[in-house]
Every structure is written in structure tokens, then in C-alpha cells.
Amino acid sequence: MRPAEWITLIAQFARLSQRQRQTGIALLHGNSPHDATIALLESVAQPRLACPTCHSDHLRAKGR
């Protein structure tokens, strides 16, 4: 990115809402809200995943 483009980007960043700025900062840190949501859901669901028929926890793709 050229310096002039960087200055323009920073000026636009200042006009974002607080929520938009927080999302942008999280993305820059590599912690997007989407990734955090997926990680949370997986951490909660993983211990509970089991076949509804036989209750086995040895699952494979497509329910087989």
C-alpha cells in the first residue's frame, strides 16, 4: 500500500462507529468475531457430539 493510501485508510478508520473499529482491530489482530464464535461453539458442542441412535462418539462425515 502506498503511503497516501495508508493515510486515506487511517482517516476513514476514524469515521467508523465504535463497533466497526473494534471489529477492524480484531481483524488486524487476527481474532475476527466470526472465528471466535466458531471456536466457542465448537468448544461447547464437541464434548456433546454423539450419534442420536447408538450414542457413539465416533462420528464421521455425513452421519455414517
C-alpha atoms as a PDB file:
ATOM      1  CA  MET A   1       0.000   0.000   0.000  1.00  0.00           C
ATOM      2  CA  ARG A   2       1.299   3.410  -0.880  1.00  0.00           C
ATOM      3  CA  PRO A   3       1.740   5.994   1.913  1.00  0.00           C
ATOM      4  CA  ALA A   4      -1.041   8.195   0.500  1.00  0.00           C
ATOM      5  CA  GLU A   5      -3.425   5.225   0.500  1.00  0.00           C
ATOM      6  CA  TRP A   6      -2.451   4.424   4.078  1.00  0.00           C
ATOM      7  CA  ILE A   7      -3.207   7.994   5.214  1.00  0.00           C
ATOM      8  CA  THR A   8      -6.607   7.819   3.493  1.00  0.00           C
ATOM      9  CA  LEU A   9      -7.372   4.488   5.158  1.00  0.00           C
ATOM     10  CA  ILE A  10      -6.472   5.814   8.608  1.00  0.00           C
ATOM     11  CA  ALA A  11      -8.631   8.919   8.053  1.00  0.00           C
ATOM     12  CA  GLN A  12     -11.569   6.691   7.106  1.00  0.00           C
ATOM     13  CA  PHE A  13     -10.964   4.448  10.105  1.00  0.00           C
ATOM     14  CA  ALA A  14     -11.574   7.426  12.404  1.00  0.00           C
ATOM     15  CA  ARG A  15     -15.076   7.844  10.932  1.00  0.00           C
ATOM     16  CA  LEU A  16     -16.171   4.298  11.753  1.00  0.00           C
ATOM     17  CA  SER A  17     -18.538   3.534  14.614  1.00  0.00           C
ATOM     18  CA  GLN A  18     -17.018   2.109  17.773  1.00  0.00           C
ATOM     19  CA  ARG A  19     -18.301  -1.374  16.918  1.00  0.00           C
ATOM     20  CA  GLN A  20     -16.826  -1.158  13.413  1.00  0.00           C
ATOM     21  CA  ARG A  21     -13.477  -0.022  14.850  1.00  0.00           C
ATOM     22  CA  GLN A  22     -13.461  -2.906  17.348  1.00  0.00           C
ATOM     23  CA  THR A  23     -14.187  -5.380  14.552  1.00  0.00           C
ATOM     24  CA  GLY A  24     -11.398  -3.867  12.454  1.00  0.00           C
ATOM     25  CA  ILE A  25      -8.939  -4.073  15.337  1.00  0.00           C
ATOM     26  CA  ALA A  26      -9.908  -7.693  15.984  1.00  0.00           C
ATOM     27  CA  LEU A  27      -9.316  -8.498  12.314  1.00  0.00           C
ATOM     28  CA  LEU A  28      -5.920  -6.802  12.413  1.00  0.00           C
ATOM     29  CA  HIS A  29      -5.012  -8.859  15.472  1.00  0.00           C
ATOM     30  CA  GLY A  30      -6.159 -11.996  13.671  1.00  0.00           C
ATOM     31  CA  ASN A  31      -9.119 -12.508  16.005  1.00  0.00           C
ATOM     32  CA  SER A  32     -12.174 -11.986  13.861  1.00  0.00           C
ATOM     33  CA  PRO A  33     -15.501 -12.198  15.692  1.00  0.00           C
ATOM     34  CA  HIS A  34     -16.542 -14.935  13.259  1.00  0.00           C
ATOM     35  CA  ASP A  35     -13.537 -17.084  14.210  1.00  0.00           C
ATOM     36  CA  ALA A  36     -14.168 -16.510  17.902  1.00  0.00           C
ATOM     37  CA  THR A  37     -17.817 -17.522  17.540  1.00  0.00           C
ATOM     38  CA  ILE A  38     -16.907 -20.728  15.716  1.00  0.00           C
ATOM     39  CA  ALA A  39     -14.281 -21.606  18.316  1.00  0.00           C
ATOM     40  CA  LEU A  40     -16.765 -21.048  21.144  1.00  0.00           C
ATOM     41  CA  LEU A  41     -19.469 -23.176  19.503  1.00  0.00           C
ATOM     42  CA  GLU A  42     -17.022 -25.969  18.751  1.00  0.00           C
ATOM     43  CA  SER A  43     -15.665 -25.974  22.308  1.00  0.00           C
ATOM     44  CA  VAL A  44     -19.182 -26.268  23.730  1.00  0.00           C
ATOM     45  CA  ALA A  45     -20.547 -28.772  21.198  1.00  0.00           C
ATOM     46  CA  GLN A  46     -17.536 -31.082  20.826  1.00  0.00           C
ATOM     47  CA  PRO A  47     -17.859 -32.920  24.163  1.00  0.00           C
ATOM     48  CA  ARG A  48     -21.575 -33.491  23.489  1.00  0.00           C
ATOM     49  CA  LEU A  49     -21.452 -34.782  19.913  1.00  0.00           C
ATOM     50  CA  ALA A  50     -22.777 -38.330  19.647  1.00  0.00           C
ATOM     51  CA  CYS A  51     -24.909 -40.461  17.358  1.00  0.00           C
ATOM     52  CA  PRO A  52     -28.559 -39.965  18.309  1.00  0.00           C
ATOM     53  CA  THR A  53     -29.260 -43.654  17.602  1.00  0.00           C
ATOM     54  CA  CYS A  54     -26.406 -45.571  19.242  1.00  0.00           C
ATOM     55  CA  HIS A  55     -24.868 -42.716  21.291  1.00  0.00           C
ATOM     56  CA  SER A  56     -21.399 -43.465  19.943  1.00  0.00           C
ATOM     57  CA  ASP A  57     -18.949 -40.559  19.951  1.00  0.00           C
ATOM     58  CA  HIS A  58     -17.008 -41.992  16.992  1.00  0.00           C
ATOM     59  CA  LEU A  59     -18.577 -39.809  14.315  1.00  0.00           C
ATOM     60  CA  ARG A  60     -17.693 -39.412  10.670  1.00  0.00           C
ATOM     61  CA  ALA A  61     -18.773 -37.023   7.953  1.00  0.00           C
ATOM     62  CA  LYS A  62     -22.317 -37.309   6.568  1.00  0.00           C
ATOM     63  CA  GLY A  63     -23.532 -39.157   9.651  1.00  0.00           C
ATOM     64  CA  ARG A  64     -22.120 -42.580   8.802  1.00  0.00           C
END
